[in-house]
Amino acid sequence: MRISTKSILLATILTLALGSTSAFAYTYLGGKHKTKNLNAVVKTGELKYPYSSIFFDSIQDWNNGGTGVNISMSYGGGGNIYIGGSEFGNVDWNARNTNYRDYVFWGDYHSSVIDVNYTNMDSRSREWNKSTLSHELGHSLGLDHTNDSSTIMYTTGNPYRTVTTPQADDYAGVRNLYN
């Protein structure tokens, strides 16, 4: 029996259309934390109200996504993810994340630091700020930007990002990275 090129092409298209999932948006930074049980630490005296409660809500969104990663939060002390804030001025970022690796350019993360820019974020809504902190937590977990505006990891923030919490693709990316 001879199979034609058209038959193969048709079968491929049907397989992609009917058998695919929507979990294609996540991308990686090339690292992750060594453990699935992470402690997010609010730097004592470095995160003003209400950002600690917004950060806690962002952590809960990630914890509720079935990623297999569990993030707890504490004030001061040692941890894996640290958050603080300052008046960084009118720069082009609202918050930023820096991951520190075991070695300069490779290896697992030994810590991540999220900086909140009060200059830009103080005038924004709680939901918008939560969206930003959820996005930065995604970077702490190892996710990179996406081109899909319906994911929390979308390159550009609100109002261009159409969601304020992590979505199925965001969760799938973390689950895939840590399992």
N, C-alpha and C. Protein backbone atom coordinates (compact mmCIF):
# COMPACT_ATOMS: atom_id res chain seq x y z
N MET A 1 0.84 -1.18 0.00
CA MET A 1 0.00 0.00 0.00
C MET A 1 0.88 1.24 0.00
N ARG A 2 0.59 2.13 -0.88
CA ARG A 2 1.37 3.36 -1.01
C ARG A 2 0.61 4.51 -0.36
N ILE A 3 1.31 5.27 0.52
CA ILE A 3 0.71 6.40 1.20
C ILE A 3 1.16 7.68 0.49
N SER A 4 0.23 8.50 0.12
CA SER A 4 0.56 9.73 -0.60
C SER A 4 1.02 10.83 0.35
N THR A 5 1.72 11.79 -0.20
CA THR A 5 2.17 12.95 0.57
C THR A 5 0.98 13.73 1.10
N LYS A 6 -0.10 13.82 0.32
CA LYS A 6 -1.31 14.51 0.76
C LYS A 6 -1.92 13.83 1.98
N SER A 7 -1.90 12.51 2.00
CA SER A 7 -2.46 11.77 3.14
C SER A 7 -1.65 12.03 4.40
N ILE A 8 -0.33 12.06 4.27
CA ILE A 8 0.53 12.33 5.41
C ILE A 8 0.30 13.74 5.92
N LEU A 9 0.21 14.69 5.02
CA LEU A 9 -0.02 16.07 5.39
C LEU A 9 -1.37 16.23 6.09
N LEU A 10 -2.40 15.62 5.57
CA LEU A 10 -3.73 15.69 6.16
C LEU A 10 -3.73 15.05 7.56
N ALA A 11 -3.09 13.92 7.70
CA ALA A 11 -3.02 13.24 9.01
C ALA A 11 -2.27 14.11 10.02
N THR A 12 -1.20 14.77 9.60
CA THR A 12 -0.43 15.64 10.49
C THR A 12 -1.27 16.82 10.95
N ILE A 13 -1.98 17.45 10.02
CA ILE A 13 -2.82 18.59 10.36
C ILE A 13 -3.92 18.17 11.33
N LEU A 14 -4.57 17.05 11.09
CA LEU A 14 -5.63 16.58 11.98
C LEU A 14 -5.09 16.25 13.37
N THR A 15 -3.92 15.64 13.42
CA THR A 15 -3.31 15.30 14.71
C THR A 15 -3.02 16.56 15.50
N LEU A 16 -2.46 17.57 14.84
CA LEU A 16 -2.16 18.82 15.53
C LEU A 16 -3.43 19.54 15.96
N ALA A 17 -4.43 19.55 15.12
CA ALA A 17 -5.66 20.27 15.42
C ALA A 17 -6.49 19.58 16.51
N LEU A 18 -6.56 18.27 16.49
CA LEU A 18 -7.42 17.55 17.42
C LEU A 18 -6.70 17.04 18.66
N GLY A 19 -5.42 16.77 18.54
CA GLY A 19 -4.72 16.14 19.64
C GLY A 19 -3.78 17.04 20.40
N SER A 20 -3.79 18.32 20.13
CA SER A 20 -2.85 19.21 20.81
C SER A 20 -3.49 19.84 22.04
N THR A 21 -2.66 20.36 22.90
CA THR A 21 -3.13 21.11 24.05
C THR A 21 -2.72 22.56 23.88
N SER A 22 -3.19 23.42 24.77
CA SER A 22 -2.85 24.83 24.65
C SER A 22 -1.55 25.17 25.39
N ALA A 23 -0.88 24.21 25.97
CA ALA A 23 0.30 24.48 26.79
C ALA A 23 1.56 24.61 25.93
N PHE A 24 1.60 25.67 25.16
CA PHE A 24 2.76 25.90 24.30
C PHE A 24 3.43 27.24 24.57
N ALA A 25 2.91 28.03 25.47
CA ALA A 25 3.40 29.40 25.61
C ALA A 25 4.61 29.53 26.53
N TYR A 26 4.86 28.58 27.40
CA TYR A 26 5.93 28.79 28.36
C TYR A 26 7.32 28.62 27.74
N THR A 27 8.25 29.41 28.24
CA THR A 27 9.66 29.31 27.87
C THR A 27 10.48 29.43 29.15
N TYR A 28 11.75 29.03 29.07
CA TYR A 28 12.57 28.96 30.27
C TYR A 28 13.77 29.90 30.22
N LEU A 29 14.22 30.28 31.41
CA LEU A 29 15.43 31.10 31.54
C LEU A 29 16.68 30.25 31.55
N GLY A 30 16.54 28.93 31.69
CA GLY A 30 17.69 28.04 31.68
C GLY A 30 18.17 27.65 33.07
N GLY A 31 17.33 27.80 34.07
CA GLY A 31 17.68 27.40 35.42
C GLY A 31 16.44 27.24 36.26
N LYS A 32 16.65 26.73 37.48
CA LYS A 32 15.57 26.55 38.44
C LYS A 32 16.19 26.40 39.82
N HIS A 33 15.36 26.43 40.84
CA HIS A 33 15.84 26.18 42.19
C HIS A 33 16.04 24.68 42.39
N LYS A 34 16.90 24.31 43.31
CA LYS A 34 17.23 22.90 43.56
C LYS A 34 16.09 22.15 44.22
N THR A 35 15.20 22.85 44.86
CA THR A 35 14.14 22.22 45.63
C THR A 35 12.78 22.70 45.15
N LYS A 36 11.76 21.90 45.42
CA LYS A 36 10.38 22.29 45.12
C LYS A 36 9.74 23.04 46.28
N ASN A 37 10.38 23.00 47.45
CA ASN A 37 9.88 23.70 48.63
C ASN A 37 10.70 24.95 48.84
N LEU A 38 10.13 26.08 48.47
CA LEU A 38 10.84 27.35 48.48
C LEU A 38 10.33 28.26 49.60
N ASN A 39 11.20 29.07 50.15
CA ASN A 39 10.82 30.07 51.14
C ASN A 39 11.06 31.46 50.57
N ALA A 40 9.99 32.22 50.45
CA ALA A 40 10.08 33.60 49.98
C ALA A 40 10.20 34.49 51.21
N VAL A 41 11.22 35.31 51.25
CA VAL A 41 11.53 36.13 52.42
C VAL A 41 11.31 37.60 52.11
N VAL A 42 10.49 38.24 52.92
CA VAL A 42 10.32 39.68 52.83
C VAL A 42 11.49 40.30 53.59
N LYS A 43 12.32 41.07 52.90
CA LYS A 43 13.46 41.70 53.56
C LYS A 43 12.98 42.67 54.63
N THR A 44 13.43 42.47 55.85
CA THR A 44 13.00 43.28 56.98
C THR A 44 13.27 44.76 56.73
N GLY A 45 12.21 45.56 56.82
CA GLY A 45 12.34 47.00 56.65
C GLY A 45 12.50 47.45 55.21
N GLU A 46 12.43 46.55 54.25
CA GLU A 46 12.67 46.92 52.85
C GLU A 46 11.47 46.76 51.95
N LEU A 47 10.32 46.39 52.49
CA LEU A 47 9.13 46.25 51.66
C LEU A 47 7.97 46.93 52.38
N LYS A 48 7.52 48.04 51.82
CA LYS A 48 6.48 48.80 52.51
C LYS A 48 5.09 48.24 52.22
N TYR A 49 4.15 48.65 53.09
CA TYR A 49 2.77 48.26 52.95
C TYR A 49 2.21 48.87 51.68
N PRO A 50 1.41 48.16 50.91
CA PRO A 50 0.77 46.87 51.11
C PRO A 50 1.46 45.75 50.33
N TYR A 51 2.70 45.95 49.92
CA TYR A 51 3.34 45.00 49.00
C TYR A 51 3.55 43.61 49.59
N SER A 52 3.74 43.49 50.90
CA SER A 52 3.92 42.15 51.47
C SER A 52 2.63 41.33 51.33
N SER A 53 1.47 41.94 51.54
CA SER A 53 0.21 41.19 51.39
C SER A 53 -0.08 40.90 49.91
N ILE A 54 0.29 41.81 49.03
CA ILE A 54 0.13 41.55 47.58
C ILE A 54 1.04 40.40 47.17
N PHE A 55 2.26 40.39 47.70
CA PHE A 55 3.21 39.32 47.40
C PHE A 55 2.68 37.98 47.91
N PHE A 56 2.12 37.97 49.12
CA PHE A 56 1.54 36.75 49.67
C PHE A 56 0.43 36.23 48.75
N ASP A 57 -0.44 37.11 48.26
CA ASP A 57 -1.50 36.71 47.34
C ASP A 57 -0.92 36.12 46.05
N SER A 58 0.16 36.70 45.55
CA SER A 58 0.81 36.18 44.35
C SER A 58 1.38 34.78 44.60
N ILE A 59 1.97 34.60 45.77
CA ILE A 59 2.49 33.27 46.13
C ILE A 59 1.36 32.24 46.16
N GLN A 60 0.22 32.62 46.75
CA GLN A 60 -0.91 31.70 46.81
C GLN A 60 -1.41 31.33 45.43
N ASP A 61 -1.41 32.27 44.50
CA ASP A 61 -1.80 31.95 43.12
C ASP A 61 -0.90 30.88 42.53
N TRP A 62 0.40 31.01 42.73
CA TRP A 62 1.34 29.99 42.21
C TRP A 62 1.16 28.67 42.95
N ASN A 63 0.96 28.70 44.27
CA ASN A 63 0.78 27.47 45.04
C ASN A 63 -0.48 26.72 44.65
N ASN A 64 -1.52 27.43 44.26
CA ASN A 64 -2.80 26.81 43.93
C ASN A 64 -2.85 26.25 42.51
N GLY A 65 -1.77 26.36 41.76
CA GLY A 65 -1.79 25.95 40.36
C GLY A 65 -1.40 24.52 40.07
N GLY A 66 -1.14 23.73 41.11
CA GLY A 66 -0.79 22.32 40.88
C GLY A 66 0.55 22.12 40.20
N THR A 67 1.50 23.01 40.49
CA THR A 67 2.82 22.91 39.85
C THR A 67 3.74 21.89 40.50
N GLY A 68 3.44 21.51 41.74
CA GLY A 68 4.34 20.65 42.49
C GLY A 68 5.36 21.45 43.29
N VAL A 69 5.38 22.76 43.08
CA VAL A 69 6.27 23.65 43.83
C VAL A 69 5.45 24.29 44.95
N ASN A 70 6.01 24.35 46.14
CA ASN A 70 5.35 24.96 47.29
C ASN A 70 6.20 26.13 47.77
N ILE A 71 5.60 27.31 47.80
CA ILE A 71 6.31 28.51 48.24
C ILE A 71 5.69 28.97 49.55
N SER A 72 6.51 29.09 50.58
CA SER A 72 6.05 29.67 51.85
C SER A 72 6.64 31.08 51.94
N MET A 73 6.13 31.86 52.88
CA MET A 73 6.61 33.24 53.02
C MET A 73 6.96 33.50 54.48
N SER A 74 8.06 34.22 54.68
CA SER A 74 8.46 34.61 56.03
C SER A 74 9.05 36.02 55.98
N TYR A 75 9.28 36.57 57.15
CA TYR A 75 9.85 37.91 57.25
C TYR A 75 11.25 37.80 57.83
N GLY A 76 12.23 38.30 57.09
CA GLY A 76 13.63 38.23 57.53
C GLY A 76 14.13 36.79 57.49
N GLY A 77 15.39 36.59 57.74
CA GLY A 77 15.96 35.25 57.76
C GLY A 77 16.36 34.75 56.39
N GLY A 78 16.65 33.47 56.34
CA GLY A 78 17.15 32.85 55.11
C GLY A 78 16.05 32.26 54.26
N GLY A 79 16.29 32.21 52.97
CA GLY A 79 15.31 31.65 52.06
C GLY A 79 15.88 31.46 50.68
N ASN A 80 15.00 31.26 49.72
CA ASN A 80 15.38 31.06 48.32
C ASN A 80 15.04 32.27 47.46
N ILE A 81 13.93 32.93 47.80
CA ILE A 81 13.45 34.08 47.05
C ILE A 81 13.32 35.24 48.03
N TYR A 82 13.91 36.38 47.70
CA TYR A 82 13.87 37.55 48.57
C TYR A 82 13.14 38.67 47.84
N ILE A 83 12.37 39.46 48.58
CA ILE A 83 11.69 40.61 47.97
C ILE A 83 11.90 41.84 48.84
N GLY A 84 12.19 42.93 48.18
CA GLY A 84 12.36 44.23 48.83
C GLY A 84 11.94 45.30 47.84
N GLY A 85 12.03 46.54 48.25
CA GLY A 85 11.62 47.61 47.36
C GLY A 85 12.31 48.91 47.70
N SER A 86 12.24 49.83 46.74
CA SER A 86 12.85 51.14 46.92
C SER A 86 12.29 52.08 45.86
N GLU A 87 12.61 53.34 46.00
CA GLU A 87 12.29 54.34 44.98
C GLU A 87 13.44 54.30 43.98
N PHE A 88 13.27 53.53 42.91
CA PHE A 88 14.32 53.40 41.90
C PHE A 88 14.24 54.50 40.84
N GLY A 89 13.23 55.35 40.94
CA GLY A 89 13.08 56.43 39.98
C GLY A 89 12.23 56.03 38.80
N ASN A 90 12.10 56.95 37.87
CA ASN A 90 11.27 56.75 36.69
C ASN A 90 12.05 55.96 35.64
N VAL A 91 12.20 54.66 35.88
CA VAL A 91 12.89 53.76 34.95
C VAL A 91 11.84 52.95 34.21
N ASP A 92 12.26 52.12 33.27
CA ASP A 92 11.30 51.41 32.44
C ASP A 92 10.82 50.09 33.03
N TRP A 93 11.01 49.87 34.32
CA TRP A 93 10.51 48.64 34.94
C TRP A 93 9.78 48.96 36.24
N ASN A 94 8.76 48.15 36.51
CA ASN A 94 7.97 48.29 37.73
C ASN A 94 8.51 47.42 38.86
N ALA A 95 8.99 46.26 38.49
CA ALA A 95 9.65 45.34 39.41
C ALA A 95 10.60 44.51 38.56
N ARG A 96 11.59 43.93 39.20
CA ARG A 96 12.55 43.10 38.45
C ARG A 96 12.98 41.93 39.31
N ASN A 97 13.41 40.88 38.63
CA ASN A 97 13.88 39.68 39.30
C ASN A 97 15.30 39.38 38.84
N THR A 98 16.14 38.99 39.77
CA THR A 98 17.49 38.54 39.46
C THR A 98 17.68 37.16 40.08
N ASN A 99 18.06 36.19 39.26
CA ASN A 99 18.34 34.84 39.74
C ASN A 99 19.85 34.67 39.87
N TYR A 100 20.27 34.14 41.00
CA TYR A 100 21.70 33.89 41.24
C TYR A 100 21.95 32.39 41.18
N ARG A 101 22.90 32.02 40.34
CA ARG A 101 23.19 30.60 40.09
C ARG A 101 24.36 30.11 40.93
N ASP A 102 24.48 28.79 41.00
CA ASP A 102 25.61 28.18 41.71
C ASP A 102 26.94 28.60 41.10
N TYR A 103 26.95 28.74 39.78
CA TYR A 103 28.13 29.20 39.06
C TYR A 103 27.71 30.44 38.29
N VAL A 104 28.64 31.19 37.79
CA VAL A 104 28.31 32.47 37.19
C VAL A 104 27.28 32.35 36.06
N PHE A 105 27.47 31.41 35.14
CA PHE A 105 26.60 31.33 33.96
C PHE A 105 25.75 30.06 33.87
N TRP A 106 25.87 29.14 34.82
CA TRP A 106 25.10 27.91 34.74
C TRP A 106 24.82 27.36 36.13
N GLY A 107 24.00 26.34 36.16
CA GLY A 107 23.67 25.69 37.42
C GLY A 107 22.33 26.13 37.96
N ASP A 108 21.90 25.43 39.01
CA ASP A 108 20.65 25.77 39.66
C ASP A 108 20.75 27.12 40.35
N TYR A 109 19.58 27.69 40.67
CA TYR A 109 19.55 28.96 41.40
C TYR A 109 19.77 28.69 42.88
N HIS A 110 20.62 29.44 43.52
CA HIS A 110 20.72 29.36 44.98
C HIS A 110 19.87 30.44 45.63
N SER A 111 19.53 31.50 44.87
CA SER A 111 18.59 32.50 45.38
C SER A 111 18.09 33.37 44.24
N SER A 112 16.98 34.02 44.51
CA SER A 112 16.38 34.97 43.57
C SER A 112 16.01 36.21 44.37
N VAL A 113 16.11 37.38 43.74
CA VAL A 113 15.77 38.63 44.40
C VAL A 113 14.80 39.40 43.52
N ILE A 114 13.68 39.79 44.11
CA ILE A 114 12.69 40.63 43.43
C ILE A 114 12.76 42.02 44.05
N ASP A 115 12.92 43.03 43.20
CA ASP A 115 12.94 44.43 43.63
C ASP A 115 11.67 45.11 43.12
N VAL A 116 10.95 45.77 44.02
CA VAL A 116 9.75 46.53 43.68
C VAL A 116 10.15 47.99 43.53
N ASN A 117 9.75 48.60 42.42
CA ASN A 117 10.03 50.01 42.17
C ASN A 117 8.81 50.84 42.61
N TYR A 118 8.89 51.39 43.82
CA TYR A 118 7.77 52.16 44.36
C TYR A 118 7.42 53.36 43.48
N THR A 119 8.42 53.95 42.83
CA THR A 119 8.17 55.12 41.99
C THR A 119 7.09 54.82 40.95
N ASN A 120 7.16 53.65 40.34
CA ASN A 120 6.19 53.30 39.30
C ASN A 120 4.96 52.59 39.84
N MET A 121 5.11 51.81 40.92
CA MET A 121 4.00 50.95 41.35
C MET A 121 3.05 51.58 42.35
N ASP A 122 3.47 52.59 43.09
CA ASP A 122 2.61 53.16 44.13
C ASP A 122 1.30 53.73 43.60
N SER A 123 1.28 54.19 42.38
CA SER A 123 0.07 54.81 41.84
C SER A 123 -0.85 53.80 41.12
N ARG A 124 -0.47 52.55 41.11
CA ARG A 124 -1.24 51.55 40.36
C ARG A 124 -2.19 50.78 41.27
N SER A 125 -3.14 50.07 40.68
CA SER A 125 -4.12 49.30 41.45
C SER A 125 -3.47 48.06 42.06
N ARG A 126 -4.12 47.55 43.09
CA ARG A 126 -3.65 46.32 43.75
C ARG A 126 -3.56 45.16 42.75
N GLU A 127 -4.60 44.99 41.91
CA GLU A 127 -4.61 43.89 40.93
C GLU A 127 -3.44 44.01 39.94
N TRP A 128 -3.19 45.21 39.48
CA TRP A 128 -2.10 45.44 38.54
C TRP A 128 -0.77 45.10 39.21
N ASN A 129 -0.58 45.53 40.45
CA ASN A 129 0.66 45.23 41.18
C ASN A 129 0.80 43.74 41.47
N LYS A 130 -0.32 43.08 41.78
CA LYS A 130 -0.29 41.63 42.00
C LYS A 130 0.11 40.92 40.72
N SER A 131 -0.39 41.36 39.61
CA SER A 131 -0.01 40.79 38.32
C SER A 131 1.50 40.91 38.09
N THR A 132 2.05 42.07 38.43
CA THR A 132 3.49 42.30 38.26
C THR A 132 4.29 41.38 39.17
N LEU A 133 3.89 41.26 40.44
CA LEU A 133 4.63 40.40 41.37
C LEU A 133 4.48 38.92 41.01
N SER A 134 3.33 38.52 40.51
CA SER A 134 3.16 37.14 40.03
C SER A 134 4.08 36.86 38.85
N HIS A 135 4.20 37.84 37.97
CA HIS A 135 5.10 37.72 36.82
C HIS A 135 6.55 37.55 37.29
N GLU A 136 6.98 38.38 38.23
CA GLU A 136 8.36 38.29 38.73
C GLU A 136 8.60 36.98 39.48
N LEU A 137 7.60 36.48 40.19
CA LEU A 137 7.72 35.16 40.83
C LEU A 137 7.92 34.08 39.77
N GLY A 138 7.24 34.22 38.65
CA GLY A 138 7.44 33.28 37.54
C GLY A 138 8.89 33.25 37.10
N HIS A 139 9.53 34.43 37.01
CA HIS A 139 10.96 34.48 36.68
C HIS A 139 11.79 33.79 37.76
N SER A 140 11.42 34.00 39.04
CA SER A 140 12.15 33.35 40.13
C SER A 140 12.08 31.84 40.02
N LEU A 141 10.97 31.32 39.49
CA LEU A 141 10.81 29.88 39.33
C LEU A 141 11.51 29.35 38.10
N GLY A 142 11.95 30.24 37.20
CA GLY A 142 12.69 29.82 36.01
C GLY A 142 12.00 30.07 34.69
N LEU A 143 10.83 30.72 34.71
CA LEU A 143 10.12 31.00 33.47
C LEU A 143 10.62 32.29 32.83
N ASP A 144 10.64 32.30 31.51
CA ASP A 144 11.03 33.48 30.74
C ASP A 144 9.76 34.12 30.18
N HIS A 145 9.93 35.20 29.43
CA HIS A 145 8.80 35.88 28.80
C HIS A 145 8.20 35.03 27.69
N THR A 146 6.91 35.29 27.44
CA THR A 146 6.21 34.64 26.33
C THR A 146 5.67 35.72 25.39
N ASN A 147 5.19 35.28 24.25
CA ASN A 147 4.55 36.18 23.29
C ASN A 147 3.03 36.07 23.37
N ASP A 148 2.52 35.41 24.40
CA ASP A 148 1.09 35.17 24.56
C ASP A 148 0.54 36.10 25.65
N SER A 149 -0.26 37.08 25.26
CA SER A 149 -0.76 38.07 26.21
C SER A 149 -1.74 37.48 27.22
N SER A 150 -2.17 36.23 27.02
CA SER A 150 -3.08 35.59 27.97
C SER A 150 -2.34 34.75 29.00
N THR A 151 -1.02 34.97 29.16
CA THR A 151 -0.23 34.32 30.21
C THR A 151 0.37 35.39 31.11
N ILE A 152 0.63 35.03 32.37
CA ILE A 152 1.22 35.99 33.30
C ILE A 152 2.65 36.33 32.88
N MET A 153 3.29 35.47 32.11
CA MET A 153 4.68 35.69 31.70
C MET A 153 4.80 36.47 30.39
N TYR A 154 3.71 37.06 29.93
CA TYR A 154 3.76 37.89 28.73
C TYR A 154 4.79 38.99 28.91
N THR A 155 5.52 39.28 27.84
CA THR A 155 6.63 40.22 27.87
C THR A 155 6.25 41.58 28.43
N THR A 156 5.14 42.11 28.02
CA THR A 156 4.72 43.46 28.42
C THR A 156 3.63 43.36 29.47
N GLY A 157 3.71 44.21 30.48
CA GLY A 157 2.73 44.19 31.57
C GLY A 157 1.40 44.81 31.19
N ASN A 158 0.61 45.08 32.21
CA ASN A 158 -0.71 45.66 32.02
C ASN A 158 -0.59 47.03 31.36
N PRO A 159 -1.49 47.42 30.52
CA PRO A 159 -2.73 46.76 30.17
C PRO A 159 -2.59 45.76 29.02
N TYR A 160 -1.39 45.54 28.54
CA TYR A 160 -1.19 44.64 27.39
C TYR A 160 -1.32 43.18 27.79
N ARG A 161 -0.88 42.82 29.00
CA ARG A 161 -1.10 41.47 29.51
C ARG A 161 -2.57 41.41 29.88
N THR A 162 -3.27 40.41 29.39
CA THR A 162 -4.72 40.37 29.56
C THR A 162 -5.16 39.60 30.81
N VAL A 163 -4.22 39.10 31.61
CA VAL A 163 -4.55 38.35 32.82
C VAL A 163 -3.80 38.95 34.01
N THR A 164 -4.30 38.68 35.21
CA THR A 164 -3.64 39.18 36.41
C THR A 164 -3.15 38.06 37.32
N THR A 165 -3.36 36.81 36.92
CA THR A 165 -2.90 35.66 37.69
C THR A 165 -2.25 34.65 36.73
N PRO A 166 -1.42 33.75 37.25
CA PRO A 166 -0.84 32.71 36.39
C PRO A 166 -1.95 31.88 35.74
N GLN A 167 -1.69 31.44 34.53
CA GLN A 167 -2.66 30.66 33.75
C GLN A 167 -2.14 29.25 33.52
N ALA A 168 -2.93 28.43 32.83
CA ALA A 168 -2.59 27.02 32.62
C ALA A 168 -1.19 26.85 32.01
N ASP A 169 -0.84 27.66 31.03
CA ASP A 169 0.49 27.53 30.41
C ASP A 169 1.60 27.90 31.39
N ASP A 170 1.37 28.91 32.23
CA ASP A 170 2.35 29.29 33.23
C ASP A 170 2.58 28.14 34.20
N TYR A 171 1.48 27.56 34.70
CA TYR A 171 1.58 26.43 35.62
C TYR A 171 2.25 25.23 34.95
N ALA A 172 1.88 24.97 33.70
CA ALA A 172 2.46 23.83 32.99
C ALA A 172 3.97 24.00 32.83
N GLY A 173 4.41 25.23 32.60
CA GLY A 173 5.84 25.48 32.46
C GLY A 173 6.60 25.16 33.74
N VAL A 174 6.06 25.59 34.89
CA VAL A 174 6.72 25.30 36.17
C VAL A 174 6.66 23.81 36.46
N ARG A 175 5.50 23.20 36.24
CA ARG A 175 5.36 21.75 36.46
C ARG A 175 6.37 20.97 35.62
N ASN A 176 6.51 21.34 34.37
CA ASN A 176 7.45 20.66 33.48
C ASN A 176 8.90 20.88 33.92
N LEU A 177 9.21 22.05 34.39
CA LEU A 177 10.56 22.39 34.79
C LEU A 177 10.98 21.66 36.07
N TYR A 178 10.07 21.51 37.03
CA TYR A 178 10.42 20.94 38.33
C TYR A 178 10.11 19.46 38.48
N ASN A 179 9.42 18.85 37.52
CA ASN A 179 9.08 17.41 37.64
C ASN A 179 9.89 16.58 36.69
